Each structure stands twice: as C-alpha cells, then as structure tokens.
Amino acid sequence: MPPRILITRSLPPEAMSLAQARAAVDLHPGPHSLPRADLIARLKDKAGLVCLITDTIDAEVLSGAPELKVVANVAVGYNNIDVAAATTRGIVVTNTPEVLTETTADFTWALLMAVARRVVEGDGYVRAGKFGRWEWELLWGADVHGKTLGIFGFGRIGKAVARRARGFGMRILYHDTVRADAAAERELGATYVDKTTLLKESDFVTLHTLLSPETRHLIGATELRQMKRTAYLINASRGPCVNEAELVQALKEGWIAGAALDVYEEEPKVHPGLLSLPNVVLAPHIASASRETRLRMATLAVENCVAVLEGKTPPTPVNPEVLRK
C-alpha cells in the first residue's frame, strides 16, 4: 500500500502528478489554510505532509500524527514549523532552497527600482488621469547606477543581488555573521563592513537574512536614524526583521527617503501607517512568485517528501541529524 500524505494546498499539475504516482494523496484544494482542527484530524494517519509557510506545524500538530515521518515545506523559510519538536519525534523537515534564489533576487531589484524611480506613484498618476503633459519636475526619483548598495545577509540570495548590482556599477557593502571567503568578495566586488558602516554609507539597504532572535527587529529606530536621509530600505526576506512602527515614523519624519517591502511583521496584516505613505512600495509576499520558480519549489517539496517515505535521503533536509539516527 502506498504511503499516505497530506498536501495542504493545490500544487502545479506536474508536482501533483509526481505525488500521486508515489503516494496516496489527501489534498486540501481550497485557497486558504486548513483550519487547525481539520489539519490535526487529517494528519493523524499520514506518513508525509507537504505544506506551505502559512501552515503552522507546531508540537501539538506533530504529536497528533504518530505515523508522520516527514514535513516538506514549500518554502525556504521554516519558521512555521517547530523543527526541534519534529527532530525529537524523529520527523524529517525539509525546505526548498536554491530554486528560488535568482527569482527572489530579481524581485528585490524590482522593489529597489520601483521605490527609487517612483514607478508605483507614476502608475497611479497616469491611471488617475493626471498626465496632461510632460513636466520638468514631475516625480523626480533617485539614480541607482553608481550608488552604494548595502546587503544584510550574504547567503545565496544576497550574493545574487550583489551580482546584479555590478551591472549598475554600484559599490557593494555587506554584513553577515559569517564573512564570505576572499574569492567570493573579489568575484562580486563586495566589501565586508560592520553594521553601522553599512547603514551610514549605503544609498540602498537590502535585507536577505533568516528570521532568528538575533535578526528580529534587525532594523528599528536606531538603525533607521543611522541611514542617510536619501537612502532606501528594501525587505524581501522576513517581515519581523523590521520594526514596522518605527519604520513608519522614519518615513513620516524623513529619516530615510523610502522603503519597499514584500514581507510584513505580522503578515498578512500590514501596519496601517504604511498604507497611506507615498514613499513606500508594498507587495503581497510574491518574491518567488514566477510560474517557473513556484513549479520548481513544489516539485522539490514533493521530491523531498517521497524520498523520505521511500527510505532515501531527501535533497534538502533542514534537520539532517534525524537521518543519521
């Protein structure tokens, strides 16, 4: 009898076909997350779970699934999963890194360019019928080429953003808990600096960190006051890395020039102060949302799930120590 798995949201047909060929699939096809009680009930006889970052898989959920062997998250982040509890129960947790690196870096640049050149404001201006003639002082923005880019988090995505910055002739600064090797710094033309130097010298600051106790509110009032008044903040990593209330104050009082956000501190809730500000670009957590990348993410998650259930090593485990037991 094939292993039973629960998939909490409809995936692209290619990924669904792969899952259905290797397992008995219980699919929740709705557009919203399963209610908690339903999730627990449907998971109790399953060996595998393919879930999204909007599904909370905590110790209570895991304890109600005695047959569960693997939780495959269709995301790079896995803050929605109690990995420690899963590890204690011998459950493998997997994620989908690498396949969305370039797409997320692309979108970081979309946000950066949009806020610097006031693209969203311009779109609204035209749609409102205000564009009657070319005007000399209309919607002046900021140049990107030749400026200084500061990157917090110099992992796969941070490095991909840096590669794009080279095409704009930018000076590249970065800060991370682990310094990149000299070869990577030379290749990308990137200079390691401390946090304060990055904030003070950058014209654009982009965030590409995981969420941890150390990165929660990585950017708050203290950091925003250290930035240039002409600088922009871009966050396509994790919402809680930015203190939104203090960002609103900074934007209203002109501590920085603008911000562009794809993620939010209490997602999907957005701080109401952000909604009325013209110098903010807001996106609904879509940095990885290209057809090609979402297909690769879904397929990798299914491959991770069925690999564990077939006694194989999954491509991208989060807690590989479980596999060694």
Protein backbone atom coordinates (compact mmCIF):
# COMPACT_ATOMS: atom_id res chain seq x y z
CA MET A 1 0.00 0.00 0.00
CA PRO A 2 1.47 3.41 -0.95
CA PRO A 3 2.28 5.83 1.88
CA ARG A 4 -0.40 8.34 2.76
CA ILE A 5 0.45 12.04 2.53
CA LEU A 6 -1.46 15.26 3.11
CA ILE A 7 -0.92 18.22 0.78
CA THR A 8 -2.37 21.38 2.26
CA ARG A 9 -2.85 23.36 -0.95
CA SER A 10 -3.20 22.61 -4.67
CA LEU A 11 0.21 22.47 -6.35
CA PRO A 12 1.04 22.76 -10.07
CA PRO A 13 -0.12 19.71 -12.07
CA GLU A 14 3.42 18.43 -12.61
CA ALA A 15 4.09 18.32 -8.85
CA MET A 16 0.69 16.82 -8.09
CA SER A 17 1.25 14.08 -10.70
CA LEU A 18 4.59 13.21 -9.10
CA ALA A 19 2.98 12.97 -5.67
CA GLN A 20 0.02 10.91 -6.88
CA ALA A 21 2.30 8.46 -8.69
CA ARG A 22 4.27 7.72 -5.50
CA ALA A 23 1.76 8.09 -2.67
CA ALA A 24 -1.89 8.12 -1.68
CA VAL A 25 -2.64 11.84 -1.63
CA ASP A 26 -5.14 13.63 0.58
CA LEU A 27 -5.37 17.12 -0.93
CA HIS A 28 -6.87 20.22 0.60
CA PRO A 29 -7.69 22.19 -2.57
CA GLY A 30 -9.05 25.35 -1.01
CA PRO A 31 -7.47 28.79 -1.36
CA HIS A 32 -6.98 29.14 2.41
CA SER A 33 -5.11 27.18 5.04
CA LEU A 34 -6.80 24.21 6.66
CA PRO A 35 -8.40 25.14 9.97
CA ARG A 36 -6.23 23.86 12.79
CA ALA A 37 -8.68 21.19 13.95
CA ASP A 38 -9.07 19.87 10.41
CA LEU A 39 -5.30 19.82 9.91
CA ILE A 40 -4.81 17.74 13.04
CA ALA A 41 -7.65 15.38 12.12
CA ARG A 42 -6.49 14.79 8.56
CA LEU A 43 -2.85 14.37 9.54
CA LYS A 44 -3.34 11.70 12.21
CA ASP A 45 -2.94 8.73 9.80
CA LYS A 46 -0.45 10.33 7.39
CA ALA A 47 3.21 9.46 6.88
CA GLY A 48 4.04 12.63 4.98
CA LEU A 49 2.99 16.28 4.90
CA VAL A 50 3.60 18.82 2.12
CA CYS A 51 2.71 22.24 3.48
CA LEU A 52 3.10 25.96 2.90
CA ILE A 53 4.64 28.62 5.09
CA THR A 54 1.11 29.72 6.07
CA ASP A 55 0.51 26.35 7.78
CA THR A 56 1.54 26.27 11.44
CA ILE A 57 3.09 22.90 12.23
CA ASP A 58 3.81 23.07 15.94
CA ALA A 59 4.35 20.50 18.66
CA GLU A 60 0.62 19.92 19.15
CA VAL A 61 0.06 19.20 15.46
CA LEU A 62 3.06 16.87 15.34
CA SER A 63 2.02 14.98 18.48
CA GLY A 64 -1.33 14.18 16.88
CA ALA A 65 0.36 12.46 13.92
CA PRO A 66 2.06 9.30 15.24
CA GLU A 67 2.85 7.95 11.77
CA LEU A 68 4.36 11.16 10.41
CA LYS A 69 7.88 10.79 9.02
CA VAL A 70 8.41 13.97 7.01
CA VAL A 71 7.23 17.58 6.82
CA ALA A 72 8.11 19.08 3.44
CA ASN A 73 7.74 22.86 3.41
CA VAL A 74 7.21 24.58 0.06
CA ALA A 75 9.44 27.49 1.07
CA VAL A 76 12.99 28.33 2.01
CA GLY A 77 11.97 29.59 5.45
CA TYR A 78 10.56 27.18 8.01
CA ASN A 79 9.59 29.39 10.93
CA ASN A 80 6.10 27.91 10.64
CA ILE A 81 7.45 24.51 11.76
CA ASP A 82 8.65 23.54 15.23
CA VAL A 83 11.82 21.90 13.98
CA ALA A 84 13.01 20.99 17.48
CA ALA A 85 9.76 19.15 18.20
CA ALA A 86 9.96 17.38 14.85
CA THR A 87 13.54 16.34 15.49
CA THR A 88 12.65 14.96 18.91
CA ARG A 89 9.94 12.84 17.28
CA GLY A 90 12.30 11.65 14.52
CA ILE A 91 10.44 13.58 11.82
CA VAL A 92 12.48 14.94 8.92
CA VAL A 93 11.82 18.58 7.99
CA THR A 94 12.74 19.81 4.52
CA ASN A 95 12.60 23.12 2.65
CA THR A 96 13.16 24.41 -0.88
CA PRO A 97 16.36 26.48 -1.01
CA GLU A 98 18.34 27.44 -4.12
CA VAL A 99 15.49 27.00 -6.62
CA LEU A 100 14.13 30.47 -5.82
CA THR A 101 17.42 32.34 -5.36
CA GLU A 102 17.57 34.10 -8.70
CA THR A 103 13.85 34.85 -8.83
CA THR A 104 13.93 36.42 -5.37
CA ALA A 105 16.99 38.47 -6.32
CA ASP A 106 15.15 39.65 -9.45
CA PHE A 107 12.22 40.79 -7.33
CA THR A 108 14.48 42.55 -4.87
CA TRP A 109 15.66 44.63 -7.79
CA ALA A 110 12.08 45.19 -8.92
CA LEU A 111 11.31 46.64 -5.49
CA LEU A 112 14.50 48.69 -5.42
CA MET A 113 13.92 50.20 -8.84
CA ALA A 114 10.23 50.81 -8.18
CA VAL A 115 10.81 52.79 -5.00
CA ALA A 116 13.85 54.66 -6.31
CA ARG A 117 12.20 55.75 -9.55
CA ARG A 118 8.67 56.13 -8.09
CA VAL A 119 7.14 53.67 -10.54
CA VAL A 120 4.03 52.92 -8.46
CA GLU A 121 3.34 56.62 -7.93
CA GLY A 122 3.73 57.18 -11.67
CA ASP A 123 1.33 54.37 -12.48
CA GLY A 124 -1.27 55.83 -10.14
CA TYR A 125 -0.74 59.31 -11.61
CA VAL A 126 -1.47 58.09 -15.12
CA ARG A 127 -4.46 55.94 -14.12
CA ALA A 128 -5.97 58.89 -12.26
CA GLY A 129 -5.97 60.90 -15.49
CA LYS A 130 -3.46 63.44 -14.20
CA PHE A 131 -0.95 63.06 -17.03
CA GLY A 132 -1.83 66.06 -19.18
CA ARG A 133 1.66 66.95 -20.39
CA TRP A 134 5.35 66.33 -19.78
CA GLU A 135 6.51 68.29 -16.75
CA TRP A 136 10.07 69.14 -15.74
CA GLU A 137 9.68 68.47 -12.00
CA LEU A 138 7.27 65.53 -12.18
CA LEU A 139 8.12 62.59 -9.88
CA TRP A 140 11.84 63.07 -9.54
CA GLY A 141 13.37 59.96 -8.04
CA ALA A 142 16.87 58.73 -7.29
CA ASP A 143 19.52 57.25 -9.54
CA VAL A 144 20.57 53.68 -8.85
CA HIS A 145 23.67 53.38 -11.01
CA GLY A 146 26.91 54.31 -9.31
CA LYS A 147 25.37 54.33 -5.83
CA THR A 148 26.27 52.25 -2.77
CA LEU A 149 24.29 49.09 -2.03
CA GLY A 150 24.37 47.63 1.48
CA ILE A 151 23.36 43.98 1.81
CA PHE A 152 22.41 42.41 5.14
CA GLY A 153 22.76 38.66 4.78
CA PHE A 154 25.29 37.46 2.21
CA GLY A 155 23.99 33.98 1.52
CA ARG A 156 22.73 32.71 -1.82
CA ILE A 157 20.18 35.48 -2.34
CA GLY A 158 22.39 38.26 -1.00
CA LYS A 159 25.15 37.22 -3.41
CA ALA A 160 22.68 37.05 -6.31
CA VAL A 161 21.58 40.61 -5.52
CA ALA A 162 25.23 41.68 -5.48
CA ARG A 163 25.81 40.16 -8.91
CA ARG A 164 23.00 42.29 -10.30
CA ALA A 165 24.39 45.38 -8.60
CA ARG A 166 27.65 45.04 -10.51
CA GLY A 167 25.76 45.69 -13.72
CA PHE A 168 24.70 49.04 -12.27
CA GLY A 169 28.27 49.96 -11.40
CA MET A 170 27.44 50.07 -7.71
CA ARG A 171 29.76 50.00 -4.73
CA ILE A 172 28.73 46.89 -2.75
CA LEU A 173 28.95 46.60 1.03
CA TYR A 174 27.70 43.64 3.03
CA HIS A 175 27.32 42.47 6.60
CA ASP A 176 26.75 38.94 7.84
CA THR A 177 27.51 36.89 10.93
CA VAL A 178 29.87 34.84 8.77
CA ARG A 179 32.20 36.65 6.41
CA ALA A 180 32.34 35.39 2.82
CA ASP A 181 35.60 33.97 1.56
CA ALA A 182 38.04 36.23 -0.22
CA ALA A 183 37.33 34.68 -3.62
CA ALA A 184 33.60 35.48 -3.37
CA GLU A 185 34.36 39.05 -2.28
CA ARG A 186 36.68 39.53 -5.27
CA GLU A 187 34.22 37.98 -7.71
CA LEU A 188 31.36 40.19 -6.57
CA GLY A 189 33.37 43.29 -5.77
CA ALA A 190 31.85 43.23 -2.29
CA THR A 191 33.38 44.66 0.89
CA TYR A 192 32.64 43.32 4.35
CA VAL A 193 31.80 46.07 6.86
CA ASP A 194 30.25 46.32 10.28
CA LYS A 195 26.55 47.03 10.68
CA THR A 196 26.97 50.72 11.48
CA THR A 197 29.21 51.40 8.50
CA LEU A 198 26.79 49.68 6.15
CA LEU A 199 23.89 51.76 7.42
CA LYS A 200 25.73 55.07 7.31
CA GLU A 201 27.29 54.66 3.86
CA SER A 202 24.62 52.86 1.82
CA ASP A 203 22.15 54.53 -0.53
CA PHE A 204 20.10 51.32 -0.66
CA VAL A 205 19.90 48.74 2.13
CA THR A 206 18.51 45.30 1.29
CA LEU A 207 17.69 42.52 3.76
CA HIS A 208 18.31 38.84 3.00
CA THR A 209 18.52 37.19 6.42
CA LEU A 210 16.78 34.30 8.08
CA LEU A 211 14.49 35.11 10.97
CA SER A 212 16.12 34.38 14.31
CA PRO A 213 16.21 36.03 17.74
CA GLU A 214 19.25 37.96 16.51
CA THR A 215 17.58 39.25 13.33
CA ARG A 216 14.16 40.07 14.78
CA HIS A 217 13.92 43.88 14.58
CA LEU A 218 17.31 43.98 12.91
CA ILE A 219 16.13 47.33 11.57
CA GLY A 220 14.47 49.70 14.04
CA ALA A 221 14.67 53.32 15.08
CA THR A 222 18.37 53.18 15.99
CA GLU A 223 19.33 51.74 12.62
CA LEU A 224 16.99 53.95 10.60
CA ARG A 225 18.45 57.06 12.21
CA GLN A 226 21.91 55.90 11.13
CA MET A 227 20.89 55.71 7.48
CA LYS A 228 21.16 58.60 5.05
CA ARG A 229 18.10 60.77 4.67
CA THR A 230 18.31 59.96 0.95
CA ALA A 231 18.54 56.18 1.50
CA TYR A 232 16.00 53.44 0.83
CA LEU A 233 15.24 50.22 2.72
CA ILE A 234 14.20 47.07 0.82
CA ASN A 235 12.96 43.94 2.61
CA ALA A 236 12.23 40.73 0.72
CA SER A 237 13.41 38.40 3.49
CA ARG A 238 11.35 38.14 6.69
CA GLY A 239 8.84 40.69 7.93
CA PRO A 240 9.80 40.70 11.62
CA CYS A 241 13.34 41.75 10.69
CA VAL A 242 11.92 45.28 10.52
CA ASN A 243 10.13 47.14 13.31
CA GLU A 244 7.24 48.46 11.22
CA ALA A 245 6.01 51.06 13.71
CA GLU A 246 9.46 52.63 13.84
CA LEU A 247 9.77 52.41 10.06
CA VAL A 248 6.51 54.33 9.71
CA GLN A 249 7.89 57.04 11.97
CA ALA A 250 11.12 57.17 9.99
CA LEU A 251 9.27 57.55 6.69
CA LYS A 252 6.88 60.19 8.01
CA GLU A 253 9.62 62.25 9.59
CA GLY A 254 12.08 61.91 6.70
CA TRP A 255 14.79 59.91 8.42
CA ILE A 256 15.07 57.94 5.15
CA ALA A 257 13.72 58.58 1.65
CA GLY A 258 11.60 55.48 1.19
CA ALA A 259 11.08 51.76 1.61
CA ALA A 260 9.90 48.77 -0.40
CA LEU A 261 8.50 45.72 1.36
CA ASP A 262 7.39 42.27 0.25
CA VAL A 263 7.00 40.86 3.78
CA TYR A 264 5.46 42.17 6.98
CA GLU A 265 5.94 41.94 10.71
CA GLU A 266 2.51 40.42 11.40
CA GLU A 267 1.75 39.09 7.94
CA PRO A 268 -0.77 39.27 6.33
CA LYS A 269 -1.57 42.28 8.49
CA VAL A 270 0.23 45.42 7.32
CA HIS A 271 0.89 48.31 9.68
CA PRO A 272 -1.83 50.85 8.78
CA GLY A 273 0.69 53.66 8.82
CA LEU A 274 2.41 52.18 5.78
CA LEU A 275 -0.72 52.11 3.65
CA SER A 276 -1.09 55.87 3.31
CA LEU A 277 2.56 56.72 2.64
CA PRO A 278 3.51 57.57 -0.96
CA ASN A 279 7.20 56.75 -0.41
CA VAL A 280 6.56 53.05 0.25
CA VAL A 281 6.14 50.23 -2.29
CA LEU A 282 4.14 47.32 -0.86
CA ALA A 283 3.94 43.84 -2.39
CA PRO A 284 1.99 40.78 -1.12
CA HIS A 285 4.89 38.37 -0.44
CA ILE A 286 5.49 37.48 -4.08
CA ALA A 287 9.30 37.49 -4.39
CA SER A 288 9.35 33.85 -5.53
CA ALA A 289 6.09 34.07 -7.49
CA SER A 290 7.13 33.27 -11.02
CA ARG A 291 5.48 30.29 -12.70
CA GLU A 292 8.80 28.57 -13.27
CA THR A 293 10.06 29.00 -9.73
CA ARG A 294 6.85 28.05 -7.95
CA LEU A 295 6.79 24.86 -10.04
CA ARG A 296 10.39 24.07 -9.04
CA MET A 297 9.57 24.74 -5.37
CA ALA A 298 6.52 22.48 -5.41
CA THR A 299 8.35 19.72 -7.24
CA LEU A 300 11.30 19.84 -4.85
CA ALA A 301 8.97 19.68 -1.84
CA VAL A 302 7.25 16.59 -3.25
CA GLU A 303 10.61 15.01 -4.09
CA ASN A 304 11.75 15.62 -0.51
CA CYS A 305 8.59 14.04 0.87
CA VAL A 306 8.61 10.88 -1.22
CA ALA A 307 12.35 10.39 -0.78
CA VAL A 308 11.98 10.14 2.98
CA LEU A 309 8.99 7.82 2.67
CA GLU A 310 10.99 5.57 0.33
CA GLY A 311 13.93 5.40 2.73
CA LYS A 312 16.14 7.71 0.70
CA THR A 313 17.98 10.89 1.63
CA PRO A 314 15.88 13.94 0.68
CA PRO A 315 17.59 16.60 -1.45
CA THR A 316 17.26 19.46 1.07
CA PRO A 317 16.78 18.41 4.71
CA VAL A 318 16.63 21.04 7.43
CA ASN A 319 17.42 18.64 10.28
CA PRO A 320 19.70 16.02 8.69
CA GLU A 321 20.62 14.66 12.12
CA VAL A 322 17.31 12.77 12.07
CA LEU A 323 18.50 10.82 9.05
CA ARG A 324 21.60 9.62 10.90
CA LYS A 325 19.65 8.02 13.73
